[in-house]
C-alpha cells in the first residue's frame, strides 16, 4: 500500500512540474503596432494602428510559443485625419479590397522562460512574406484586477513595404523601408 501511495504522490508532483501551454488573449487597449516610414527623405512619419485582436499560446517551461494577431489597417492613426482616410483608401492599404492584416509566428530564443525572437509571416495588402521581430523586453505578472497572468512585450523589426505592393510615393523618392514596433499585452484566458 505504501508503494502505491508513494507512486501517486510522485506522479502528482511530476505532473504539476509539467506546465501546459497557456493561451493569452491580446488586450487591444494596451497593444499598439506602430511604425516609422520615410517622407521623401525629408522627415520620418510615425503612425500606429488602433484596432487589433489575437492570441498568444505560450509554454515557458518548454520554450515554445505561437502568435496570431489581426490588425485592422482602417484604424491607422498618423494623428492627421485626412492622411488616415487616404491611407485606408485605394492608394495605400485599400482596406475595402484587402481587409485586415495578419501576423502569425513562432516565439523562439527562450532564456529563463522569456522569448527573444518572433519568426513569422505578415499578410498585408494580400501578400504574405516573412517578417521576423526581435523581442526587446518580455515579462509576465499577475494582473492586479483580473487575478490572471498577464504578459507583455516590446518587439521590433523592419520590412520593405513595396514587397507587399504598397508603393505609394515610390516614384517621388520615398524610401520603402518601414520600421515596425509592437507594444503588446495579453491576458491568460
Foldseek 3Di string as FASTA:
>chain_A
DVVVVVVVVVVVVVVVVQDDKFKWKWDLVFKKKKKWFFDLVPDIQIKIANDKIWMKIFDLVVQWIKTKMKTFLLRICSVDVVVSNVCCPDLFQNCVPQNIKMWIWMFHDHDNSDGFKTWTWIQGSNDIDTWIKGWPDKDWDQDPPVRFIKMKTKIKGKDFCVVNVGCPCVVSRIGRIMIIIMTIMTTTD
